[in-house]
Amino acid sequence: MGRRRREPPRRLPSTLPTRRIETGPDGYDYEVRVVTAARAVKVYRCPGCDHEIRSGTAHVVVWPADMGEAAVDDRRHWHTPCWANRTNRGPTRRWS
């Protein structure tokens, strides 16, 4: 009996959008982009919990939507759960 060839695992298409516009509790619109673990190569500090987002950790990048792509200084990297729960607890002093 011969050996069976293993087929490489198939990549499933992502069902999550990589970017979206969300209206915050403050009434402002924010552009939210997903950063996959493979693309997360730097360490950032989350304004929601004030802990590090280590390289290799999937997260989101958020900035005011009306600022467009030029809002580099206004971008903030958030842990995904911190961003999703930001209405339950206010941002740390780093966001304000």
PDB file of N, CA and C in Angstrom:
ATOM      1  N   MET A   1       0.826  -1.158   0.000  1.00  0.00           N
ATOM      2  CA  MET A   1       0.000   0.000   0.000  1.00  0.00           C
ATOM      3  C   MET A   1       0.888   1.245   0.000  1.00  0.00           C
ATOM      4  N   GLY A   2       0.589   2.191  -0.879  1.00  0.00           N
ATOM      5  CA  GLY A   2       1.385   3.411  -0.963  1.00  0.00           C
ATOM      6  C   GLY A   2       0.970   4.442   0.084  1.00  0.00           C
ATOM      7  N   ARG A   3       1.848   5.381   0.270  1.00  0.00           N
ATOM      8  CA  ARG A   3       1.559   6.445   1.223  1.00  0.00           C
ATOM      9  C   ARG A   3       0.606   7.458   0.599  1.00  0.00           C
ATOM     10  N   ARG A   4      -0.275   7.956   1.401  1.00  0.00           N
ATOM     11  CA  ARG A   4      -1.196   8.981   0.926  1.00  0.00           C
ATOM     12  C   ARG A   4      -0.507  10.333   0.939  1.00  0.00           C
ATOM     13  N   ARG A   5      -0.709  11.062  -0.099  1.00  0.00           N
ATOM     14  CA  ARG A   5      -0.168  12.424  -0.137  1.00  0.00           C
ATOM     15  C   ARG A   5      -1.065  13.347   0.647  1.00  0.00           C
ATOM     16  N   ARG A   6      -0.447  14.119   1.479  1.00  0.00           N
ATOM     17  CA  ARG A   6      -1.208  15.103   2.240  1.00  0.00           C
ATOM     18  C   ARG A   6      -1.400  16.352   1.400  1.00  0.00           C
ATOM     19  N   GLU A   7      -2.615  16.788   1.319  1.00  0.00           N
ATOM     20  CA  GLU A   7      -2.877  18.030   0.609  1.00  0.00           C
ATOM     21  C   GLU A   7      -2.664  19.192   1.568  1.00  0.00           C
ATOM     22  N   PRO A   8      -2.139  20.294   1.056  1.00  0.00           N
ATOM     23  CA  PRO A   8      -1.952  21.450   1.940  1.00  0.00           C
ATOM     24  C   PRO A   8      -3.315  21.965   2.394  1.00  0.00           C
ATOM     25  N   PRO A   9      -3.362  22.530   3.595  1.00  0.00           N
ATOM     26  CA  PRO A   9      -4.652  23.045   4.068  1.00  0.00           C
ATOM     27  C   PRO A   9      -5.128  24.177   3.169  1.00  0.00           C
ATOM     28  N   ARG A  10      -6.424  24.199   2.941  1.00  0.00           N
ATOM     29  CA  ARG A  10      -6.996  25.258   2.109  1.00  0.00           C
ATOM     30  C   ARG A  10      -7.256  26.479   2.971  1.00  0.00           C
ATOM     31  N   ARG A  11      -6.964  27.620   2.409  1.00  0.00           N
ATOM     32  CA  ARG A  11      -7.242  28.878   3.114  1.00  0.00           C
ATOM     33  C   ARG A  11      -8.684  29.267   2.827  1.00  0.00           C
ATOM     34  N   LEU A  12      -9.406  29.514   3.880  1.00  0.00           N
ATOM     35  CA  LEU A  12     -10.775  29.968   3.726  1.00  0.00           C
ATOM     36  C   LEU A  12     -10.787  31.473   3.570  1.00  0.00           C
ATOM     37  N   PRO A  13     -11.657  31.977   2.723  1.00  0.00           N
ATOM     38  CA  PRO A  13     -11.713  33.437   2.583  1.00  0.00           C
ATOM     39  C   PRO A  13     -12.203  34.074   3.875  1.00  0.00           C
ATOM     40  N   SER A  14     -11.649  35.212   4.183  1.00  0.00           N
ATOM     41  CA  SER A  14     -12.046  35.925   5.388  1.00  0.00           C
ATOM     42  C   SER A  14     -13.458  36.459   5.216  1.00  0.00           C
ATOM     43  N   THR A  15     -14.280  36.262   6.229  1.00  0.00           N
ATOM     44  CA  THR A  15     -15.639  36.779   6.170  1.00  0.00           C
ATOM     45  C   THR A  15     -15.726  38.138   6.842  1.00  0.00           C
ATOM     46  N   LEU A  16     -14.671  38.558   7.515  1.00  0.00           N
ATOM     47  CA  LEU A  16     -14.668  39.859   8.169  1.00  0.00           C
ATOM     48  C   LEU A  16     -14.161  40.927   7.213  1.00  0.00           C
ATOM     49  N   PRO A  17     -14.832  42.063   7.181  1.00  0.00           N
ATOM     50  CA  PRO A  17     -14.301  43.140   6.344  1.00  0.00           C
ATOM     51  C   PRO A  17     -13.007  43.669   6.947  1.00  0.00           C
ATOM     52  N   THR A  18     -12.099  44.120   6.104  1.00  0.00           N
ATOM     53  CA  THR A  18     -10.832  44.626   6.618  1.00  0.00           C
ATOM     54  C   THR A  18     -10.923  46.090   7.010  1.00  0.00           C
ATOM     55  N   ARG A  19     -11.967  46.787   6.539  1.00  0.00           N
ATOM     56  CA  ARG A  19     -12.163  48.171   6.941  1.00  0.00           C
ATOM     57  C   ARG A  19     -13.654  48.491   6.944  1.00  0.00           C
ATOM     58  N   ARG A  20     -14.016  49.374   7.871  1.00  0.00           N
ATOM     59  CA  ARG A  20     -15.419  49.742   7.998  1.00  0.00           C
ATOM     60  C   ARG A  20     -15.518  51.117   8.661  1.00  0.00           C
ATOM     61  N   ILE A  21     -16.669  51.733   8.554  1.00  0.00           N
ATOM     62  CA  ILE A  21     -16.953  52.998   9.233  1.00  0.00           C
ATOM     63  C   ILE A  21     -17.932  52.687  10.366  1.00  0.00           C
ATOM     64  N   GLU A  22     -17.614  53.155  11.563  1.00  0.00           N
ATOM     65  CA  GLU A  22     -18.477  52.963  12.724  1.00  0.00           C
ATOM     66  C   GLU A  22     -18.783  54.316  13.342  1.00  0.00           C
ATOM     67  N   THR A  23     -20.008  54.472  13.790  1.00  0.00           N
ATOM     68  CA  THR A  23     -20.375  55.681  14.518  1.00  0.00           C
ATOM     69  C   THR A  23     -20.189  55.397  15.997  1.00  0.00           C
ATOM     70  N   GLY A  24     -19.401  56.234  16.652  1.00  0.00           N
ATOM     71  CA  GLY A  24     -19.118  56.046  18.068  1.00  0.00           C
ATOM     72  C   GLY A  24     -20.216  56.622  18.936  1.00  0.00           C
ATOM     73  N   PRO A  25     -20.162  56.341  20.229  1.00  0.00           N
ATOM     74  CA  PRO A  25     -21.159  56.866  21.161  1.00  0.00           C
ATOM     75  C   PRO A  25     -21.128  58.396  21.247  1.00  0.00           C
ATOM     76  N   ASP A  26     -20.030  58.990  20.787  1.00  0.00           N
ATOM     77  CA  ASP A  26     -19.911  60.449  20.778  1.00  0.00           C
ATOM     78  C   ASP A  26     -20.550  61.070  19.536  1.00  0.00           C
ATOM     79  N   GLY A  27     -21.090  60.213  18.636  1.00  0.00           N
ATOM     80  CA  GLY A  27     -21.742  60.698  17.426  1.00  0.00           C
ATOM     81  C   GLY A  27     -20.813  60.877  16.244  1.00  0.00           C
ATOM     82  N   TYR A  28     -19.507  60.731  16.439  1.00  0.00           N
ATOM     83  CA  TYR A  28     -18.544  60.872  15.354  1.00  0.00           C
ATOM     84  C   TYR A  28     -18.359  59.539  14.641  1.00  0.00           C
ATOM     85  N   ASP A  29     -18.002  59.612  13.358  1.00  0.00           N
ATOM     86  CA  ASP A  29     -17.711  58.413  12.579  1.00  0.00           C
ATOM     87  C   ASP A  29     -16.219  58.122  12.652  1.00  0.00           C
ATOM     88  N   TYR A  30     -15.890  56.831  12.750  1.00  0.00           N
ATOM     89  CA  TYR A  30     -14.503  56.388  12.813  1.00  0.00           C
ATOM     90  C   TYR A  30     -14.247  55.336  11.749  1.00  0.00           C
ATOM     91  N   GLU A  31     -13.103  55.426  11.107  1.00  0.00           N
ATOM     92  CA  GLU A  31     -12.685  54.363  10.208  1.00  0.00           C
ATOM     93  C   GLU A  31     -11.956  53.337  11.054  1.00  0.00           C
ATOM     94  N   VAL A  32     -12.330  52.088  10.885  1.00  0.00           N
ATOM     95  CA  VAL A  32     -11.764  50.987  11.658  1.00  0.00           C
ATOM     96  C   VAL A  32     -11.167  49.991  10.668  1.00  0.00           C
ATOM     97  N   ARG A  33      -9.907  49.710  10.820  1.00  0.00           N
ATOM     98  CA  ARG A  33      -9.240  48.728   9.952  1.00  0.00           C
ATOM     99  C   ARG A  33      -8.708  47.581  10.789  1.00  0.00           C
ATOM    100  N   VAL A  34      -8.890  46.386  10.278  1.00  0.00           N
ATOM    101  CA  VAL A  34      -8.406  45.179  10.946  1.00  0.00           C
ATOM    102  C   VAL A  34      -6.946  44.960  10.573  1.00  0.00           C
ATOM    103  N   VAL A  35      -6.121  44.711  11.564  1.00  0.00           N
ATOM    104  CA  VAL A  35      -4.715  44.355  11.346  1.00  0.00           C
ATOM    105  C   VAL A  35      -4.587  42.890  11.742  1.00  0.00           C
ATOM    106  N   THR A  36      -4.243  42.048  10.790  1.00  0.00           N
ATOM    107  CA  THR A  36      -4.086  40.624  11.081  1.00  0.00           C
ATOM    108  C   THR A  36      -2.819  40.385  11.884  1.00  0.00           C
ATOM    109  N   ALA A  37      -2.757  39.257  12.537  1.00  0.00           N
ATOM    110  CA  ALA A  37      -1.578  38.916  13.345  1.00  0.00           C
ATOM    111  C   ALA A  37      -0.311  38.903  12.490  1.00  0.00           C
ATOM    112  N   ALA A  38      -0.427  38.428  11.266  1.00  0.00           N
ATOM    113  CA  ALA A  38       0.743  38.351  10.389  1.00  0.00           C
ATOM    114  C   ALA A  38       1.262  39.735  10.008  1.00  0.00           C
ATOM    115  N   ARG A  39       0.387  40.735   9.983  1.00  0.00           N
ATOM    116  CA  ARG A  39       0.798  42.090   9.610  1.00  0.00           C
ATOM    117  C   ARG A  39       1.117  42.967  10.810  1.00  0.00           C
ATOM    118  N   ALA A  40       0.901  42.463  11.997  1.00  0.00           N
ATOM    119  CA  ALA A  40       1.174  43.235  13.220  1.00  0.00           C
ATOM    120  C   ALA A  40       2.631  43.032  13.616  1.00  0.00           C
ATOM    121  N   VAL A  41       3.484  43.950  13.194  1.00  0.00           N
ATOM    122  CA  VAL A  41       4.920  43.762  13.386  1.00  0.00           C
ATOM    123  C   VAL A  41       5.532  44.705  14.423  1.00  0.00           C
ATOM    124  N   LYS A  42       4.757  45.661  14.900  1.00  0.00           N
ATOM    125  CA  LYS A  42       5.266  46.601  15.896  1.00  0.00           C
ATOM    126  C   LYS A  42       4.482  46.462  17.189  1.00  0.00           C
ATOM    127  N   VAL A  43       5.025  47.041  18.240  1.00  0.00           N
ATOM    128  CA  VAL A  43       4.338  47.065  19.532  1.00  0.00           C
ATOM    129  C   VAL A  43       3.643  48.417  19.671  1.00  0.00           C
ATOM    130  N   TYR A  44       2.382  48.382  20.069  1.00  0.00           N
ATOM    131  CA  TYR A  44       1.599  49.597  20.293  1.00  0.00           C
ATOM    132  C   TYR A  44       1.006  49.550  21.688  1.00  0.00           C
ATOM    133  N   ARG A  45       0.502  50.676  22.162  1.00  0.00           N
ATOM    134  CA  ARG A  45      -0.179  50.741  23.455  1.00  0.00           C
ATOM    135  C   ARG A  45      -1.652  51.027  23.183  1.00  0.00           C
ATOM    136  N   CYS A  46      -2.522  50.164  23.682  1.00  0.00           N
ATOM    137  CA  CYS A  46      -3.962  50.289  23.483  1.00  0.00           C
ATOM    138  C   CYS A  46      -4.506  51.418  24.368  1.00  0.00           C
ATOM    139  N   PRO A  47      -5.230  52.382  23.776  1.00  0.00           N
ATOM    140  CA  PRO A  47      -5.800  53.453  24.594  1.00  0.00           C
ATOM    141  C   PRO A  47      -6.988  52.990  25.428  1.00  0.00           C
ATOM    142  N   GLY A  48      -7.523  51.820  25.151  1.00  0.00           N
ATOM    143  CA  GLY A  48      -8.660  51.317  25.911  1.00  0.00           C
ATOM    144  C   GLY A  48      -8.274  50.723  27.250  1.00  0.00           C
ATOM    145  N   CYS A  49      -7.142  50.018  27.288  1.00  0.00           N
ATOM    146  CA  CYS A  49      -6.725  49.347  28.529  1.00  0.00           C
ATOM    147  C   CYS A  49      -5.346  49.779  28.998  1.00  0.00           C
ATOM    148  N   ASP A  50      -4.625  50.533  28.155  1.00  0.00           N
ATOM    149  CA  ASP A  50      -3.280  51.014  28.448  1.00  0.00           C
ATOM    150  C   ASP A  50      -2.254  49.884  28.547  1.00  0.00           C
ATOM    151  N   HIS A  51      -2.564  48.735  27.955  1.00  0.00           N
ATOM    152  CA  HIS A  51      -1.609  47.630  27.882  1.00  0.00           C
ATOM    153  C   HIS A  51      -1.017  47.562  26.475  1.00  0.00           C
ATOM    154  N   GLU A  52       0.109  46.882  26.360  1.00  0.00           N
ATOM    155  CA  GLU A  52       0.748  46.733  25.055  1.00  0.00           C
ATOM    156  C   GLU A  52      -0.045  45.803  24.148  1.00  0.00           C
ATOM    157  N   ILE A  53      -0.016  46.148  22.860  1.00  0.00           N
ATOM    158  CA  ILE A  53      -0.459  45.232  21.818  1.00  0.00           C
ATOM    159  C   ILE A  53       0.836  44.723  21.213  1.00  0.00           C
ATOM    160  N   ARG A  54       1.184  43.522  21.524  1.00  0.00           N
ATOM    161  CA  ARG A  54       2.479  42.982  21.084  1.00  0.00           C
ATOM    162  C   ARG A  54       2.455  42.601  19.616  1.00  0.00           C
ATOM    163  N   SER A  55       3.636  42.570  19.020  1.00  0.00           N
ATOM    164  CA  SER A  55       3.713  42.159  17.626  1.00  0.00           C
ATOM    165  C   SER A  55       3.173  40.734  17.512  1.00  0.00           C
ATOM    166  N   GLY A  56       2.515  40.472  16.401  1.00  0.00           N
ATOM    167  CA  GLY A  56       1.903  39.169  16.189  1.00  0.00           C
ATOM    168  C   GLY A  56       0.501  39.050  16.773  1.00  0.00           C
ATOM    169  N   THR A  57      -0.044  40.154  17.295  1.00  0.00           N
ATOM    170  CA  THR A  57      -1.388  40.157  17.868  1.00  0.00           C
ATOM    171  C   THR A  57      -2.331  40.907  16.933  1.00  0.00           C
ATOM    172  N   ALA A  58      -3.378  40.235  16.485  1.00  0.00           N
ATOM    173  CA  ALA A  58      -4.378  40.891  15.646  1.00  0.00           C
ATOM    174  C   ALA A  58      -5.064  41.981  16.458  1.00  0.00           C
ATOM    175  N   HIS A  59      -5.384  43.112  15.804  1.00  0.00           N
ATOM    176  CA  HIS A  59      -6.017  44.234  16.482  1.00  0.00           C
ATOM    177  C   HIS A  59      -6.671  45.146  15.455  1.00  0.00           C
ATOM    178  N   VAL A  60      -7.164  46.293  15.870  1.00  0.00           N
ATOM    179  CA  VAL A  60      -7.752  47.250  14.939  1.00  0.00           C
ATOM    180  C   VAL A  60      -7.029  48.589  15.049  1.00  0.00           C
ATOM    181  N   VAL A  61      -7.025  49.317  13.942  1.00  0.00           N
ATOM    182  CA  VAL A  61      -6.500  50.677  13.902  1.00  0.00           C
ATOM    183  C   VAL A  61      -7.702  51.577  13.640  1.00  0.00           C
ATOM    184  N   VAL A  62      -7.809  52.647  14.414  1.00  0.00           N
ATOM    185  CA  VAL A  62      -8.991  53.504  14.376  1.00  0.00           C
ATOM    186  C   VAL A  62      -8.575  54.961  14.250  1.00  0.00           C
ATOM    187  N   TRP A  63      -9.313  55.734  13.447  1.00  0.00           N
ATOM    188  CA  TRP A  63      -9.111  57.173  13.370  1.00  0.00           C
ATOM    189  C   TRP A  63     -10.404  57.834  12.912  1.00  0.00           C
ATOM    190  N   PRO A  64     -10.545  59.143  13.155  1.00  0.00           N
ATOM    191  CA  PRO A  64     -11.751  59.837  12.721  1.00  0.00           C
ATOM    192  C   PRO A  64     -11.937  59.728  11.210  1.00  0.00           C
ATOM    193  N   ALA A  65     -13.123  59.338  10.777  1.00  0.00           N
ATOM    194  CA  ALA A  65     -13.382  59.090   9.353  1.00  0.00           C
ATOM    195  C   ALA A  65     -13.266  60.355   8.519  1.00  0.00           C
ATOM    196  N   ASP A  66     -13.595  61.495   9.076  1.00  0.00           N
ATOM    197  CA  ASP A  66     -13.550  62.733   8.298  1.00  0.00           C
ATOM    198  C   ASP A  66     -12.129  63.210   8.033  1.00  0.00           C
ATOM    199  N   MET A  67     -11.148  62.570   8.649  1.00  0.00           N
ATOM    200  CA  MET A  67      -9.748  62.963   8.465  1.00  0.00           C
ATOM    201  C   MET A  67      -9.126  62.278   7.246  1.00  0.00           C
ATOM    202  N   GLY A  68      -9.718  61.201   6.768  1.00  0.00           N
ATOM    203  CA  GLY A  68      -9.177  60.487   5.611  1.00  0.00           C
ATOM    204  C   GLY A  68      -7.853  59.814   5.921  1.00  0.00           C
ATOM    205  N   GLU A  69      -7.150  59.428   4.879  1.00  0.00           N
ATOM    206  CA  GLU A  69      -5.874  58.723   5.022  1.00  0.00           C
ATOM    207  C   GLU A  69      -4.789  59.587   5.644  1.00  0.00           C
ATOM    208  N   ALA A  70      -4.953  60.901   5.583  1.00  0.00           N
ATOM    209  CA  ALA A  70      -3.913  61.811   6.081  1.00  0.00           C
ATOM    210  C   ALA A  70      -3.878  61.889   7.603  1.00  0.00           C
ATOM    211  N   ALA A  71      -4.760  61.194   8.275  1.00  0.00           N
ATOM    212  CA  ALA A  71      -4.857  61.288   9.733  1.00  0.00           C
ATOM    213  C   ALA A  71      -3.856  60.389  10.447  1.00  0.00           C
ATOM    214  N   VAL A  72      -2.642  60.335   9.977  1.00  0.00           N
ATOM    215  CA  VAL A  72      -1.628  59.446  10.548  1.00  0.00           C
ATOM    216  C   VAL A  72      -1.429  59.709  12.040  1.00  0.00           C
ATOM    217  N   ASP A  73      -1.393  60.972  12.419  1.00  0.00           N
ATOM    218  CA  ASP A  73      -1.174  61.304  13.830  1.00  0.00           C
ATOM    219  C   ASP A  73      -2.377  60.992  14.709  1.00  0.00           C
ATOM    220  N   ASP A  74      -3.537  60.823  14.099  1.00  0.00           N
ATOM    221  CA  ASP A  74      -4.753  60.552  14.862  1.00  0.00           C
ATOM    222  C   ASP A  74      -5.101  59.066  14.930  1.00  0.00           C
ATOM    223  N   ARG A  75      -4.306  58.224  14.301  1.00  0.00           N
ATOM    224  CA  ARG A  75      -4.575  56.788  14.333  1.00  0.00           C
ATOM    225  C   ARG A  75      -4.236  56.220  15.704  1.00  0.00           C
ATOM    226  N   ARG A  76      -5.064  55.308  16.157  1.00  0.00           N
ATOM    227  CA  ARG A  76      -4.815  54.612  17.416  1.00  0.00           C
ATOM    228  C   ARG A  76      -5.014  53.129  17.192  1.00  0.00           C
ATOM    229  N   HIS A  77      -4.115  52.351  17.748  1.00  0.00           N
ATOM    230  CA  HIS A  77      -4.188  50.892  17.667  1.00  0.00           C
ATOM    231  C   HIS A  77      -4.862  50.389  18.942  1.00  0.00           C
ATOM    232  N   TRP A  78      -5.931  49.636  18.783  1.00  0.00           N
ATOM    233  CA  TRP A  78      -6.725  49.120  19.901  1.00  0.00           C
ATOM    234  C   TRP A  78      -6.753  47.605  19.860  1.00  0.00           C
ATOM    235  N   HIS A  79      -6.772  46.970  21.037  1.00  0.00           N
ATOM    236  CA  HIS A  79      -7.144  45.557  21.077  1.00  0.00           C
ATOM    237  C   HIS A  79      -8.576  45.489  20.542  1.00  0.00           C
ATOM    238  N   THR A  80      -8.891  44.481  19.782  1.00  0.00           N
ATOM    239  CA  THR A  80     -10.230  44.365  19.215  1.00  0.00           C
ATOM    240  C   THR A  80     -11.319  44.364  20.296  1.00  0.00           C
ATOM    241  N   PRO A  81     -11.174  43.590  21.394  1.00  0.00           N
ATOM    242  CA  PRO A  81     -12.217  43.637  22.433  1.00  0.00           C
ATOM    243  C   PRO A  81     -12.296  44.998  23.139  1.00  0.00           C
ATOM    244  N   CYS A  82     -11.177  45.681  23.296  1.00  0.00           N
ATOM    245  CA  CYS A  82     -11.199  47.003  23.925  1.00  0.00           C
ATOM    246  C   CYS A  82     -12.005  47.983  23.069  1.00  0.00           C
ATOM    247  N   TRP A  83     -11.800  47.933  21.754  1.00  0.00           N
ATOM    248  CA  TRP A  83     -12.554  48.812  20.865  1.00  0.00           C
ATOM    249  C   TRP A  83     -14.041  48.455  20.907  1.00  0.00           C
ATOM    250  N   ALA A  84     -14.356  47.176  20.883  1.00  0.00           N
ATOM    251  CA  ALA A  84     -15.751  46.735  20.879  1.00  0.00           C
ATOM    252  C   ALA A  84     -16.467  47.118  22.171  1.00  0.00           C
ATOM    253  N   ASN A  85     -15.746  47.200  23.277  1.00  0.00           N
ATOM    254  CA  ASN A  85     -16.347  47.494  24.580  1.00  0.00           C
ATOM    255  C   ASN A  85     -16.032  48.895  25.082  1.00  0.00           C
ATOM    256  N   ARG A  86     -15.633  49.789  24.205  1.00  0.00           N
ATOM    257  CA  ARG A  86     -15.211  51.125  24.640  1.00  0.00           C
ATOM    258  C   ARG A  86     -16.342  51.921  25.278  1.00  0.00           C
ATOM    259  N   THR A  87     -17.594  51.584  24.987  1.00  0.00           N
ATOM    260  CA  THR A  87     -18.701  52.323  25.601  1.00  0.00           C
ATOM    261  C   THR A  87     -18.917  51.914  27.052  1.00  0.00           C
ATOM    262  N   ASN A  88     -18.424  50.738  27.420  1.00  0.00           N
ATOM    263  CA  ASN A  88     -18.590  50.257  28.790  1.00  0.00           C
ATOM    264  C   ASN A  88     -17.557  50.838  29.739  1.00  0.00           C
ATOM    265  N   ARG A  89     -16.444  51.273  29.193  1.00  0.00           N
ATOM    266  CA  ARG A  89     -15.428  51.921  30.026  1.00  0.00           C
ATOM    267  C   ARG A  89     -14.727  52.947  29.160  1.00  0.00           C
ATOM    268  N   GLY A  90     -14.467  54.063  29.736  1.00  0.00           N
ATOM    269  CA  GLY A  90     -13.876  55.159  28.971  1.00  0.00           C
ATOM    270  C   GLY A  90     -12.447  54.865  28.587  1.00  0.00           C
ATOM    271  N   PRO A  91     -11.963  55.592  27.583  1.00  0.00           N
ATOM    272  CA  PRO A  91     -10.562  55.410  27.175  1.00  0.00           C
ATOM    273  C   PRO A  91      -9.619  55.937  28.255  1.00  0.00           C
ATOM    274  N   THR A  92      -8.415  55.474  28.213  1.00  0.00           N
ATOM    275  CA  THR A  92      -7.396  55.949  29.149  1.00  0.00           C
ATOM    276  C   THR A  92      -6.972  57.355  28.732  1.00  0.00           C
ATOM    277  N   ARG A  93      -6.155  57.955  29.505  1.00  0.00           N
ATOM    278  CA  ARG A  93      -5.717  59.319  29.222  1.00  0.00           C
ATOM    279  C   ARG A  93      -4.957  59.423  27.896  1.00  0.00           C
ATOM    280  N   ARG A  94      -4.415  58.327  27.392  1.00  0.00           N
ATOM    281  CA  ARG A  94      -3.642  58.368  26.145  1.00  0.00           C
ATOM    282  C   ARG A  94      -4.518  58.671  24.933  1.00  0.00           C
ATOM    283  N   TRP A  95      -5.794  58.315  24.981  1.00  0.00           N
ATOM    284  CA  TRP A  95      -6.676  58.555  23.835  1.00  0.00           C
ATOM    285  C   TRP A  95      -7.124  60.004  23.799  1.00  0.00           C
ATOM    286  N   SER A  96      -7.335  60.601  24.947  1.00  0.00           N
ATOM    287  CA  SER A  96      -7.854  61.967  24.969  1.00  0.00           C
ATOM    288  C   SER A  96      -6.799  62.983  24.647  1.00  0.00           C
TER     289      SER A  96
END
